[in-house]
Amino acid sequence: MKQTAVEWFIERLTKNPLPQTKDEFIDGDLVDITNKAKEMEKEQIIDAVDKTNSKWKSQKAEIILTGNQYYNETFGGNNEQNIKYIKKPVEIEAVQFRRNNWNEIRSFTNDTAHTLSIEKRINGVATCIIPTLEGHHVANEGDWIIKGVKGEFYPCKPDIFEMTYEPVIQGGNNEQQ
């Protein structure tokens, strides 16, 4: 019987030492082995569907999908063409968390932000807890608290916020219509 993609993958892993650093992982054989195993698996799935279709044809059954069609519909085909996206222009509300605006943060988050904590040392960091759709997240002083499109709240690091958002200037060029 022909070796499966998984069997081939395991055999190659046991023959090659695992990478020790991130660069070895990215540049090494492991990436090539993984990609080859994925390609083998794809071919095996397509072959299996096509062989099944041949048996059905001999019994005069209707063929609904070819092996390639089945694979593309089931596994999304070649997803590499869809890896880049542009964020839709959506107006959000946000407040930057500072130790002196805790009441504003509480009001902005409809009293869901909780557990304000300030380290008891010189230049101690202020933190709070923001309940999000994915669970409770810690917001550090300087983080932006964003109200999302569904009314949810989540913290965002200042550098990410700066790269992603710009202020809406009422009556200016970037005003949302």
Protein backbone atom coordinates (compact mmCIF):
# COMPACT_ATOMS: atom_id res chain seq x y z
CA MET A 1 0.00 0.00 0.00
CA LYS A 2 1.19 3.52 -0.84
CA GLN A 3 2.63 5.57 2.04
CA THR A 4 0.27 8.30 3.34
CA ALA A 5 1.32 11.93 3.63
CA VAL A 6 1.25 11.65 7.43
CA GLU A 7 3.45 8.53 7.42
CA TRP A 8 5.89 10.24 5.03
CA PHE A 9 5.93 13.37 7.23
CA ILE A 10 6.66 11.40 10.42
CA GLU A 11 9.38 9.40 8.67
CA ARG A 12 11.08 12.63 7.51
CA LEU A 13 10.81 14.20 10.96
CA THR A 14 12.52 11.23 12.57
CA LYS A 15 15.34 11.36 10.00
CA ASN A 16 16.00 15.10 10.37
CA PRO A 17 16.93 16.81 13.65
CA LEU A 18 14.38 19.37 14.84
CA PRO A 19 15.41 23.01 14.42
CA GLN A 20 16.96 24.66 17.47
CA THR A 21 16.41 28.32 16.53
CA LYS A 22 13.71 30.37 14.83
CA ASP A 23 16.00 30.96 11.82
CA GLU A 24 16.67 27.23 11.45
CA PHE A 25 12.93 26.63 11.51
CA ILE A 26 12.20 29.26 8.86
CA ASP A 27 15.17 28.45 6.61
CA GLY A 28 15.47 24.75 7.35
CA ASP A 29 14.12 21.54 5.92
CA LEU A 30 11.15 21.42 8.31
CA VAL A 31 9.24 24.01 6.28
CA ASP A 32 10.01 22.13 3.05
CA ILE A 33 8.99 18.81 4.61
CA THR A 34 5.74 20.30 5.90
CA ASN A 35 4.87 21.85 2.53
CA LYS A 36 5.67 18.59 0.71
CA ALA A 37 3.46 16.63 3.14
CA LYS A 38 0.60 19.09 2.58
CA GLU A 39 0.95 18.72 -1.19
CA MET A 40 1.02 14.92 -0.88
CA GLU A 41 -2.10 14.98 1.28
CA LYS A 42 -3.88 17.18 -1.27
CA GLU A 43 -2.96 14.78 -4.09
CA GLN A 44 -4.12 11.78 -2.05
CA ILE A 45 -7.49 13.39 -1.31
CA ILE A 46 -8.03 14.33 -4.96
CA ASP A 47 -7.00 10.83 -6.10
CA ALA A 48 -9.37 9.18 -3.61
CA VAL A 49 -12.33 11.26 -4.80
CA ASP A 50 -11.49 10.64 -8.46
CA LYS A 51 -11.17 6.87 -7.86
CA THR A 52 -14.53 6.86 -6.09
CA ASN A 53 -16.03 8.81 -8.99
CA SER A 54 -14.70 6.18 -11.43
CA LYS A 55 -16.49 3.44 -9.49
CA TRP A 56 -19.69 5.47 -9.45
CA LYS A 57 -19.44 6.15 -13.19
CA SER A 58 -19.20 2.42 -13.85
CA GLN A 59 -22.49 2.06 -11.98
CA LYS A 60 -23.95 4.93 -14.04
CA ALA A 61 -24.19 7.18 -10.99
CA GLU A 62 -24.11 10.96 -11.37
CA ILE A 63 -20.78 12.58 -10.49
CA ILE A 64 -21.29 15.78 -8.54
CA LEU A 65 -17.70 16.99 -7.99
CA THR A 66 -14.31 16.12 -9.42
CA GLY A 67 -11.44 15.54 -7.00
CA ASN A 68 -10.12 19.08 -7.53
CA GLN A 69 -13.57 20.61 -7.07
CA TYR A 70 -14.09 18.61 -3.87
CA TYR A 71 -10.71 19.64 -2.48
CA ASN A 72 -11.19 23.33 -3.32
CA GLU A 73 -14.69 23.45 -1.85
CA THR A 74 -13.78 21.48 1.26
CA PHE A 75 -10.34 22.91 2.05
CA GLY A 76 -10.51 26.27 0.31
CA GLY A 77 -8.09 25.39 -2.45
CA ASN A 78 -5.09 27.70 -2.63
CA ASN A 79 -5.52 30.10 0.27
CA GLU A 80 -2.21 31.81 -0.46
CA GLN A 81 -4.00 34.20 -2.81
CA ASN A 82 -6.14 35.48 0.09
CA ILE A 83 -3.59 36.25 2.79
CA LYS A 84 -3.59 40.06 2.56
CA TYR A 85 -6.50 42.21 3.59
CA ILE A 86 -7.20 45.91 3.99
CA LYS A 87 -9.01 47.02 7.11
CA LYS A 88 -12.40 48.48 6.29
CA PRO A 89 -12.72 52.15 7.17
CA VAL A 90 -14.84 51.97 10.31
CA GLU A 91 -15.20 54.84 12.75
CA ILE A 92 -14.52 53.75 16.32
CA GLU A 93 -14.51 55.44 19.71
CA ALA A 94 -11.44 55.21 21.94
CA VAL A 95 -10.03 56.61 25.16
CA GLN A 96 -6.38 56.39 26.20
CA PHE A 97 -6.01 54.82 29.65
CA ARG A 98 -4.15 56.99 32.16
CA ARG A 99 -4.03 56.67 35.92
CA ASN A 100 -5.81 60.02 36.26
CA ASN A 101 -8.79 59.17 33.98
CA TRP A 102 -10.11 56.02 35.70
CA ASN A 103 -13.63 57.51 36.06
CA GLU A 104 -13.66 58.33 32.33
CA ILE A 105 -12.56 54.74 31.51
CA ARG A 106 -15.28 53.29 33.75
CA SER A 107 -17.93 55.52 32.16
CA PHE A 108 -16.67 54.84 28.62
CA THR A 109 -16.82 51.04 29.16
CA ASN A 110 -20.29 51.20 30.76
CA ASP A 111 -18.70 50.30 34.11
CA THR A 112 -17.29 47.02 32.79
CA ALA A 113 -13.62 48.00 33.26
CA HIS A 114 -12.49 46.96 36.72
CA THR A 115 -9.58 46.25 39.06
CA LEU A 116 -7.55 49.45 38.73
CA SER A 117 -4.11 48.67 40.08
CA ILE A 118 -1.11 50.97 40.46
CA GLU A 119 2.25 49.49 41.40
CA LYS A 120 3.42 50.89 44.74
CA ARG A 121 6.83 52.13 43.62
CA ILE A 122 8.29 55.15 41.86
CA ASN A 123 6.86 55.29 38.32
CA GLY A 124 4.68 52.26 39.10
CA VAL A 125 2.58 51.07 36.19
CA ALA A 126 -1.21 51.43 36.28
CA THR A 127 -3.29 48.55 34.93
CA CYS A 128 -6.93 47.59 34.75
CA ILE A 129 -9.02 44.71 33.48
CA ILE A 130 -11.14 45.10 30.33
CA PRO A 131 -13.73 42.37 29.66
CA THR A 132 -13.60 41.53 25.92
CA LEU A 133 -15.37 39.05 23.67
CA GLU A 134 -12.34 36.73 24.11
CA GLY A 135 -12.14 37.02 27.91
CA HIS A 136 -10.59 39.48 30.33
CA HIS A 137 -7.58 41.45 29.06
CA VAL A 138 -5.15 43.58 31.04
CA ALA A 139 -4.83 47.17 29.84
CA ASN A 140 -1.63 48.98 30.76
CA GLU A 141 -1.34 52.70 31.28
CA GLY A 142 -1.02 54.29 27.83
CA ASP A 143 -3.09 51.62 26.06
CA TRP A 144 -6.14 52.74 24.15
CA ILE A 145 -9.51 51.31 25.14
CA ILE A 146 -11.50 50.85 21.94
CA LYS A 147 -15.23 50.44 21.53
CA GLY A 148 -15.64 48.06 18.58
CA VAL A 149 -18.30 47.94 15.90
CA LYS A 150 -20.49 45.60 17.98
CA GLY A 151 -20.19 47.72 21.14
CA GLU A 152 -17.47 45.50 22.58
CA PHE A 153 -14.41 46.93 24.34
CA TYR A 154 -10.78 45.89 24.03
CA PRO A 155 -7.35 47.36 24.80
CA CYS A 156 -4.91 48.28 22.04
CA LYS A 157 -1.21 49.08 22.41
CA PRO A 158 -0.35 52.72 21.56
CA ASP A 159 1.95 51.86 18.63
CA ILE A 160 -0.67 49.60 17.02
CA PHE A 161 -3.36 52.23 17.60
CA GLU A 162 -1.21 54.90 15.95
CA MET A 163 -0.53 52.68 12.90
CA THR A 164 -4.21 51.70 12.55
CA TYR A 165 -6.29 54.76 13.44
CA GLU A 166 -6.32 58.51 12.91
CA PRO A 167 -8.59 61.10 14.52
CA VAL A 168 -11.84 61.99 12.77
CA ILE A 169 -11.79 65.72 12.16
CA GLN A 170 -15.32 67.08 12.05
CA GLY A 171 -15.77 69.13 8.85
CA GLY A 172 -12.36 67.97 7.54
CA ASN A 173 -11.21 65.69 4.75
CA ASN A 174 -11.53 62.43 6.65
CA GLU A 175 -15.03 62.93 8.06
CA GLN A 176 -17.17 59.79 7.78
CA GLN A 177 -20.35 60.24 5.72
